[in-house]
Protein backbone atom coordinates (compact mmCIF):
# COMPACT_ATOMS: atom_id res chain seq x y z
CA MET A 1 12.44 23.12 8.12
CA ASP A 2 13.21 19.83 6.19
CA THR A 3 12.72 16.55 8.16
CA PRO A 4 14.38 13.56 7.75
CA VAL A 5 13.30 11.44 5.63
CA LEU A 6 13.78 8.29 7.81
CA ASP A 7 13.50 9.01 11.47
CA VAL A 8 14.81 5.37 12.72
CA THR A 9 18.12 3.91 12.54
CA PRO A 10 19.27 0.78 10.48
CA ASP A 11 18.85 -1.56 13.18
CA GLU A 12 15.15 0.13 14.12
CA ALA A 13 14.17 -0.08 10.52
CA ALA A 14 13.93 -4.33 10.61
CA ASP A 15 12.37 -3.77 14.44
CA LEU A 16 9.84 -2.21 12.71
CA LEU A 17 8.20 -4.80 10.45
CA ARG A 18 8.75 -8.09 13.52
CA ASN A 19 7.80 -5.34 16.79
CA PRO A 20 7.52 -1.42 16.70
CA TYR A 21 6.06 -0.84 19.65
CA PRO A 22 9.18 -0.79 21.54
CA ILE A 23 10.33 2.12 19.43
CA PHE A 24 6.81 3.51 19.64
CA GLN A 25 7.28 3.58 23.38
CA ARG A 26 10.64 5.21 22.92
CA ARG A 27 9.29 8.41 21.04
CA ARG A 28 5.84 8.59 23.17
CA THR A 29 8.70 8.79 26.26
CA GLU A 30 11.17 11.03 24.45
CA THR A 31 9.05 13.73 23.00
CA GLY A 32 6.07 14.01 24.95
CA GLY A 33 3.69 12.61 22.15
CA VAL A 34 4.80 14.68 18.87
CA PHE A 35 7.99 14.81 17.01
CA CYS A 36 9.63 16.28 13.42
CA GLY A 37 10.46 13.01 11.51
CA SER A 38 8.70 9.48 11.41
CA VAL A 39 7.58 6.29 12.46
CA MET A 40 7.61 4.83 9.15
CA ASP A 41 10.54 3.76 6.74
CA TRP A 42 10.63 5.10 3.54
CA THR A 43 13.91 3.47 2.05
CA LYS A 44 11.70 1.10 -0.06
CA ALA A 45 9.43 3.34 -0.96
CA ALA A 46 9.18 4.93 -4.67
CA GLU A 47 10.97 8.05 -4.30
CA ASP A 48 7.49 9.99 -5.36
CA PHE A 49 5.83 9.01 -2.06
CA ARG A 50 8.49 9.88 0.30
CA PRO A 51 7.42 13.19 1.98
CA GLU A 52 9.74 16.05 2.85
CA ASN A 53 7.93 17.87 5.94
CA LEU A 54 7.29 15.24 8.23
CA TYR A 55 6.20 14.71 12.00
CA ALA A 56 4.16 11.93 13.77
CA ALA A 57 1.66 12.12 16.26
CA VAL A 58 2.29 9.24 18.80
CA SER A 59 0.24 9.89 21.77
CA PHE A 60 -3.27 9.26 22.54
CA ASP A 61 -4.33 12.83 23.05
CA ALA A 62 -2.49 13.96 19.58
CA VAL A 63 -3.70 11.02 17.50
CA ASN A 64 -6.98 11.89 18.89
CA ARG A 65 -6.97 15.08 17.86
CA VAL A 66 -5.45 15.03 14.84
CA PHE A 67 -8.43 12.51 13.35
CA ARG A 68 -11.05 15.07 15.51
CA ASP A 69 -9.56 18.34 14.13
CA GLY A 70 -10.92 18.13 10.44
CA LYS A 71 -10.07 21.95 10.33
CA ALA A 72 -6.32 21.98 11.14
CA PHE A 73 -5.70 18.55 9.85
CA ASN A 74 -7.19 17.10 6.63
CA SER A 75 -7.44 13.99 4.57
CA HIS A 76 -6.16 15.59 1.15
CA ILE A 77 -2.84 13.79 1.22
CA TYR A 78 -4.30 10.84 -0.18
CA ASP A 79 -5.56 12.67 -3.27
CA SER A 80 -1.49 12.20 -3.88
CA THR A 81 -1.57 8.70 -3.03
CA ILE A 82 -3.87 5.74 -2.96
CA GLY A 83 -5.92 8.27 -4.20
CA LEU A 84 -3.82 8.20 -7.57
CA PHE A 85 -4.50 4.69 -7.97
CA ILE A 86 -8.59 4.41 -6.20
CA GLY A 87 -9.65 7.57 -7.39
CA PRO A 88 -11.92 10.15 -5.22
CA THR A 89 -13.15 8.97 -2.73
CA ILE A 90 -14.63 9.69 1.16
CA LEU A 91 -11.15 8.81 2.23
CA ALA A 92 -10.07 12.01 0.81
CA MET A 93 -13.25 14.21 0.44
CA GLU A 94 -14.12 16.82 3.63
CA GLY A 95 -16.93 18.78 5.04
CA LYS A 96 -20.37 19.07 3.17
CA THR A 97 -19.06 16.98 0.37
CA HIS A 98 -17.51 14.20 2.42
CA TRP A 99 -20.65 13.99 4.77
CA GLU A 100 -23.37 13.75 1.28
CA HIS A 101 -20.88 10.63 -0.16
CA ARG A 102 -20.31 9.14 3.48
CA ASN A 103 -24.19 9.33 4.08
CA LEU A 104 -25.09 7.81 0.42
CA VAL A 105 -22.65 5.01 0.74
CA SER A 106 -22.98 4.31 4.41
CA ALA A 107 -26.84 3.40 3.51
CA ALA A 108 -24.99 0.40 2.27
CA PHE A 109 -23.93 -0.89 5.83
CA LYS A 110 -27.09 0.53 7.81
CA SER A 111 -28.31 -2.07 10.89
CA ARG A 112 -30.79 -3.59 8.92
CA SER A 113 -28.55 -5.01 6.28
CA LEU A 114 -26.24 -6.49 9.49
CA LEU A 115 -28.75 -7.84 10.71
CA ARG A 116 -29.57 -10.06 7.53
CA TRP A 117 -25.94 -10.30 6.27
CA GLU A 118 -25.29 -12.51 9.42
CA PRO A 119 -27.12 -15.20 9.09
CA GLU A 120 -27.56 -15.66 5.33
CA ILE A 121 -23.67 -14.06 4.39
CA VAL A 122 -21.05 -14.41 7.09
CA ARG A 123 -22.19 -17.32 9.17
CA PRO A 124 -22.53 -19.30 5.91
CA VAL A 125 -19.52 -18.08 4.34
CA VAL A 126 -17.23 -18.60 7.51
CA ASN A 127 -18.88 -22.40 8.25
CA GLY A 128 -18.23 -23.02 5.12
CA LEU A 129 -14.13 -22.46 5.16
CA ILE A 130 -14.27 -24.34 8.21
CA ASP A 131 -16.09 -27.81 6.54
CA GLU A 132 -12.74 -27.46 4.34
CA PHE A 133 -10.50 -28.14 7.18
CA VAL A 134 -12.75 -29.52 9.77
CA ASP A 135 -11.83 -33.23 9.45
CA ALA A 136 -7.81 -32.75 8.86
CA GLY A 137 -7.19 -32.07 12.39
CA GLU A 138 -4.56 -29.79 11.33
CA THR A 139 -4.50 -26.19 9.35
CA ASP A 140 -3.17 -22.95 8.85
CA LEU A 141 -5.48 -20.73 10.01
CA VAL A 142 -4.39 -17.61 7.97
CA ARG A 143 -3.84 -19.34 5.04
CA ALA A 144 -7.21 -21.27 5.30
CA PHE A 145 -9.47 -18.91 7.15
CA THR A 146 -8.50 -15.34 7.89
CA LEU A 147 -7.40 -14.30 4.71
CA GLU A 148 -10.33 -16.14 2.82
CA PHE A 149 -13.77 -15.20 4.96
CA PRO A 150 -13.26 -11.39 4.51
CA THR A 151 -12.75 -11.77 0.91
CA ARG A 152 -15.86 -14.63 0.29
CA VAL A 153 -18.34 -12.20 2.32
CA ILE A 154 -16.86 -8.52 0.58
CA SER A 155 -17.82 -10.45 -2.74
CA LYS A 156 -21.03 -11.92 -1.34
CA LEU A 157 -21.89 -8.34 -0.41
CA LEU A 158 -21.12 -6.63 -3.90
CA GLY A 159 -23.23 -9.20 -5.39
CA LEU A 160 -19.89 -10.75 -7.64
CA PRO A 161 -19.35 -14.27 -8.85
CA GLU A 162 -17.41 -16.56 -6.70
CA GLU A 163 -15.23 -17.90 -9.91
CA ASP A 164 -13.80 -14.13 -9.72
CA LEU A 165 -12.29 -14.10 -6.01
CA PRO A 166 -8.86 -15.34 -6.94
CA TRP A 167 -8.64 -12.52 -9.74
CA PHE A 168 -10.80 -10.31 -6.89
CA ARG A 169 -7.80 -10.82 -4.11
CA THR A 170 -4.88 -10.49 -6.44
CA GLN A 171 -5.80 -7.15 -7.89
CA ALA A 172 -6.62 -5.84 -4.08
CA VAL A 173 -3.34 -6.76 -3.15
CA ASP A 174 -1.37 -5.02 -6.34
CA LEU A 175 -3.67 -2.06 -5.04
CA ILE A 176 -2.28 -1.54 -1.76
CA SER A 177 0.82 -2.52 -3.00
CA TYR A 178 1.13 0.83 -4.73
CA HIS A 179 3.79 2.63 -2.33
CA VAL A 180 6.34 -0.02 -3.56
CA LYS A 181 5.15 -1.19 -6.71
CA TYR A 182 3.19 1.67 -8.22
CA LYS A 183 3.22 0.40 -11.96
CA ARG A 184 1.41 -2.97 -11.17
CA ALA A 185 -0.95 -1.01 -8.91
CA PHE A 186 -2.31 1.23 -11.75
CA GLU A 187 -2.69 -1.88 -14.00
CA ALA A 188 -4.99 -3.06 -10.90
CA SER A 189 -6.83 0.26 -10.49
CA ALA A 190 -7.60 0.28 -14.27
CA ALA A 191 -8.50 -3.53 -14.06
CA LEU A 192 -11.01 -3.24 -11.54
CA LYS A 193 -12.64 -0.08 -13.04
CA ASP A 194 -13.62 -2.29 -16.52
CA TYR A 195 -14.27 -5.09 -14.00
CA PHE A 196 -16.55 -2.75 -12.03
CA LEU A 197 -18.04 -0.88 -15.11
CA GLY A 198 -19.34 -3.68 -16.52
CA HIS A 199 -21.16 -4.87 -13.05
CA ILE A 200 -23.01 -1.23 -12.50
CA GLU A 201 -23.79 -1.54 -16.43
CA LYS A 202 -25.65 -4.83 -15.46
CA ARG A 203 -27.63 -3.27 -11.73
CA ARG A 204 -28.77 -0.76 -14.20
CA SER A 205 -30.73 -2.73 -16.66
CA GLN A 206 -31.29 -5.31 -13.84
CA PRO A 207 -31.73 -3.88 -10.09
CA THR A 208 -30.19 -6.21 -7.09
CA GLU A 209 -30.08 -6.15 -3.67
CA ASP A 210 -26.48 -5.71 -3.18
CA ILE A 211 -24.39 -3.03 -2.27
CA ILE A 212 -23.65 -2.00 -6.11
CA GLY A 213 -27.12 -2.45 -6.72
CA ASP A 214 -27.19 0.33 -3.79
CA LEU A 215 -24.62 2.40 -4.92
CA VAL A 216 -26.21 2.47 -8.37
CA THR A 217 -29.56 3.67 -7.08
CA ALA A 218 -28.23 5.96 -4.21
CA GLU A 219 -28.71 9.97 -5.07
CA ILE A 220 -27.56 13.17 -3.53
CA ASP A 221 -29.82 15.64 -4.01
CA GLY A 222 -31.85 13.90 -6.33
CA GLU A 223 -28.45 13.46 -8.71
CA LYS A 224 -27.30 10.32 -8.91
CA LEU A 225 -23.95 8.81 -7.92
CA SER A 226 -21.45 8.99 -11.18
CA ASP A 227 -20.03 5.62 -12.52
CA GLU A 228 -16.25 7.23 -11.12
CA ALA A 229 -17.44 7.62 -7.68
CA ILE A 230 -19.09 4.22 -7.50
CA TYR A 231 -16.13 2.21 -8.84
CA SER A 232 -13.59 4.38 -6.98
CA PHE A 233 -15.66 3.60 -3.66
CA LEU A 234 -15.49 -0.15 -4.91
CA ARG A 235 -11.98 -0.25 -5.12
CA LEU A 236 -11.55 1.67 -1.37
CA LEU A 237 -13.62 -1.33 -0.48
CA LEU A 238 -10.13 -3.37 -1.39
CA PRO A 239 -7.97 -2.36 1.17
CA ALA A 240 -10.79 -1.05 3.57
CA GLY A 241 -13.02 -4.04 3.96
CA LEU A 242 -10.17 -6.93 3.01
CA GLU A 243 -7.24 -6.11 4.27
CA THR A 244 -8.14 -4.59 7.97
CA THR A 245 -10.57 -7.54 8.54
CA TYR A 246 -8.62 -10.70 7.89
CA ARG A 247 -5.25 -8.87 9.42
CA SER A 248 -7.14 -7.84 12.85
CA SER A 249 -8.95 -11.60 13.06
CA GLY A 250 -5.59 -12.77 12.02
CA ASN A 251 -3.91 -11.14 15.22
CA LEU A 252 -7.01 -11.83 17.40
CA LEU A 253 -6.72 -15.72 17.31
CA PHE A 254 -2.77 -15.51 17.27
CA LEU A 255 -2.99 -13.15 20.48
CA LEU A 256 -5.51 -15.67 22.14
CA LEU A 257 -3.54 -18.88 20.94
CA THR A 258 -0.36 -17.50 22.58
CA HIS A 259 -1.99 -16.20 25.69
CA PRO A 260 -3.85 -20.09 26.56
CA ASP A 261 -5.35 -18.94 29.89
CA GLN A 262 -7.04 -16.03 27.89
CA PHE A 263 -8.33 -18.15 25.49
CA ARG A 264 -9.61 -20.86 27.75
CA ALA A 265 -12.04 -17.95 29.65
CA VAL A 266 -13.10 -17.03 26.17
CA GLN A 267 -14.04 -20.64 25.26
CA ALA A 268 -16.01 -21.14 28.22
CA ASP A 269 -17.08 -17.53 28.67
CA ARG A 270 -18.64 -16.46 25.11
CA GLU A 271 -19.91 -13.35 26.41
CA LEU A 272 -15.85 -12.64 26.82
CA ILE A 273 -15.40 -12.66 22.63
CA GLY A 274 -16.27 -8.60 22.57
CA PRO A 275 -13.95 -7.55 25.07
CA ALA A 276 -11.39 -9.69 23.78
CA ILE A 277 -11.75 -8.30 19.90
CA GLU A 278 -11.67 -4.69 21.11
CA GLU A 279 -8.42 -5.78 23.19
CA GLY A 280 -7.52 -7.41 20.23
CA LEU A 281 -7.85 -4.15 18.30
CA ARG A 282 -6.00 -2.10 21.04
CA PHE A 283 -2.88 -3.92 21.04
CA GLU A 284 -2.33 -5.19 17.47
CA THR A 285 -4.50 -2.77 15.57
CA PRO A 286 -4.14 -3.83 11.66
CA LEU A 287 -3.02 -0.99 10.42
CA THR A 288 -0.62 0.94 12.68
CA THR A 289 -0.05 4.52 10.86
CA VAL A 290 -2.09 7.07 8.32
CA GLN A 291 -1.35 10.26 7.34
CA ARG A 292 -3.31 13.80 7.23
CA TYR A 293 -1.68 17.51 6.03
CA ALA A 294 -1.63 20.43 8.77
CA SER A 295 -4.23 22.37 6.42
CA GLU A 296 -2.61 25.59 8.66
CA GLU A 297 -0.13 26.29 10.84
CA THR A 298 -1.14 24.74 14.09
CA GLU A 299 0.03 23.49 18.01
CA LEU A 300 -0.42 20.05 18.35
CA GLU A 301 0.95 18.80 22.08
CA GLY A 302 3.36 22.06 22.37
CA VAL A 303 4.74 21.40 19.03
CA THR A 304 4.29 24.09 16.00
CA LEU A 305 3.30 22.13 12.65
CA PRO A 306 3.75 24.41 9.82
CA GLN A 307 1.13 24.57 7.35
CA GLY A 308 1.57 21.90 4.47
CA ALA A 309 3.52 19.29 6.86
CA VAL A 310 2.74 15.87 6.54
CA ILE A 311 1.39 13.63 10.07
CA ASP A 312 1.97 10.28 10.69
CA VAL A 313 -1.06 9.42 12.65
CA CYS A 314 0.18 6.38 14.12
CA ILE A 315 -2.77 4.50 15.47
CA GLY A 316 -0.48 1.87 17.05
CA SER A 317 1.20 3.57 19.39
CA ALA A 318 -1.70 5.67 20.59
CA ASN A 319 -3.37 2.67 21.25
CA ARG A 320 -0.54 1.08 23.78
CA ASP A 321 -0.05 5.17 25.43
CA GLU A 322 0.81 4.26 29.28
CA ASN A 323 -1.16 7.64 30.01
CA ARG A 324 -4.40 6.05 29.26
CA TRP A 325 -3.75 2.44 29.88
CA GLU A 326 -2.14 0.85 33.22
CA ARG A 327 -0.03 -2.05 31.54
CA SER A 328 -0.42 -0.68 28.29
CA GLU A 329 1.96 -3.36 26.81
CA GLU A 330 -0.16 -6.55 27.98
CA PHE A 331 -2.63 -8.02 26.23
CA ASP A 332 -5.40 -8.65 28.76
CA ILE A 333 -9.02 -9.14 27.64
CA PHE A 334 -10.41 -8.56 31.41
CA ARG A 335 -8.98 -5.18 31.75
CA LYS A 336 -11.00 -1.89 32.26
CA ARG A 337 -12.37 -0.88 29.14
CA LEU A 338 -11.37 2.15 27.31
CA PRO A 339 -12.34 3.02 23.97
CA HIS A 340 -9.25 2.31 21.34
CA ILE A 341 -8.77 4.57 18.29
CA SER A 342 -8.37 1.72 15.83
CA PHE A 343 -10.92 2.59 13.78
CA ALA A 344 -9.87 6.84 13.86
CA ALA A 345 -12.04 9.17 15.06
CA GLY A 346 -14.09 12.09 13.99
CA GLU A 347 -15.78 12.40 10.40
CA HIS A 348 -13.62 9.86 8.94
CA THR A 349 -14.46 7.17 11.36
CA CYS A 350 -14.06 3.99 9.87
CA MET A 351 -17.69 3.11 8.33
CA GLY A 352 -17.44 -0.39 8.21
CA LEU A 353 -16.59 -0.83 11.99
CA HIS A 354 -20.07 -2.88 12.67
CA LEU A 355 -19.15 -4.74 10.15
CA ALA A 356 -15.51 -5.94 10.62
CA ARG A 357 -16.50 -6.69 14.59
CA MET A 358 -19.24 -8.62 13.65
CA GLU A 359 -17.09 -11.12 10.68
CA THR A 360 -14.66 -11.01 13.35
CA ARG A 361 -17.10 -12.14 16.29
CA VAL A 362 -18.62 -14.73 14.01
CA ALA A 363 -15.59 -16.19 12.96
CA LEU A 364 -14.39 -16.74 16.43
CA GLU A 365 -18.17 -18.51 17.49
CA CYS A 366 -17.89 -21.06 14.44
CA LEU A 367 -14.14 -22.01 15.29
CA LEU A 368 -15.00 -22.29 18.82
CA ASP A 369 -18.47 -24.30 18.13
CA ARG A 370 -16.51 -26.73 16.14
CA LEU A 371 -13.13 -27.21 17.04
CA THR A 372 -11.50 -28.23 20.03
CA ASP A 373 -8.33 -28.66 21.45
CA ILE A 374 -7.11 -25.74 19.29
CA GLU A 375 -3.28 -25.42 20.00
CA LEU A 376 -0.91 -23.26 17.92
CA VAL A 377 2.31 -25.29 16.58
CA THR A 378 5.19 -23.21 17.28
CA ASP A 379 8.25 -25.40 15.06
CA ASN A 380 8.56 -22.29 12.72
CA ASN A 381 8.05 -19.35 15.31
CA PRO A 382 4.79 -17.94 13.90
CA HIS A 383 4.73 -13.86 14.59
CA ILE A 384 2.84 -10.73 13.65
CA TYR A 385 4.56 -9.06 11.00
CA GLY A 386 4.70 -5.83 9.04
CA GLN A 387 4.08 -2.47 8.91
CA PRO A 388 1.92 -0.51 8.63
CA PHE A 389 -0.28 -2.83 8.21
CA ARG A 390 0.45 -5.92 10.72
CA SER A 391 -0.67 -9.76 10.87
CA PRO A 392 0.81 -13.09 11.51
CA THR A 393 2.84 -14.87 8.56
CA ALA A 394 0.78 -18.37 9.44
CA LEU A 395 -0.79 -19.61 12.21
CA PRO A 396 -0.41 -23.48 11.88
CA VAL A 397 -2.95 -25.17 14.28
CA THR A 398 -3.92 -28.86 15.50
CA PHE A 399 -7.16 -29.45 16.98
CA ALA A 400 -10.38 -32.04 16.86
CA ALA A 401 -13.59 -32.07 15.35
CA ALA A 402 -16.15 -31.01 17.94
CA GLY A 403 -18.80 -33.60 18.98
């Protein structure tokens, strides 16, 4: 059965960018968790990227099932979407091949590395950024902070020159905008391939203790990763390591600044930073929707999905499912902790989740250590915006430097 390319009204299409959650809630209520259609606005996407046989999973149970049932729902859809631009990566791999590559690249994110990265890389990067605006008494925390620190951290973890940062960020933005500007995405992909190949060759002659160095020396059954496997994974790190962390940290700061009682509680008790991070990820996940293929005809929450169907896996809706959380549409860092699904689940659980949490924790700790009387300037109505990627448009604040 053909499904509509756009399952939202023209009015809803605008709402999807500003606040998609009432639409998600209506879909959960009206459909029971799965329906024939989409939670995305496809009108601006290039025609080649518009799925035809489309369904959406919007309840927590449906989304959790899709992520965990790798037999019925696979990630091969990425081979014909972002995979065209970043190359073959674990994002679209399944089974034995997926686990072999995941085990290799995950070695770069081992807990021992995280313990070293926090004091040697992440905290100095964050404090260095705060140094740049601490005496001004005001700044835009998106432009000066949340957009900057994940880029600088990833570049240092990869061992890239700091002077390459502006170029690096431009390529990252062009790459993830493939669905609306695919020619620029191809150009960015080719430029990044050449750039990373140069660094791969350098690591072969002069081994280094960074992620690129680790990938160059990694082996599967005695065989090293190919150049293509390495630079494809490095291109994957751009949307995975930069976009989601900058957006999730900005979302958390916006939510705390617009809930001053909860912000004051976090300032008074740093043990609340962890719960605040998790509630921020639940309430405003940085990536609301991903997709999967139905590899076989299967039933999901009472709906029969044909083989080959594309499924919108709506994380943003699942994280506000009223059947799982009381007051699910409220931001509350004190709520009873139940695991959200912002990092996906099953074999494709986000590999960088511990790094992302650590970066956000350090960012918030350093801000609270060095700034006081932080207040959001609301003159221009700053807000969280976007779909499927969401983050604040700006975070203008005033503050005083701490003692």
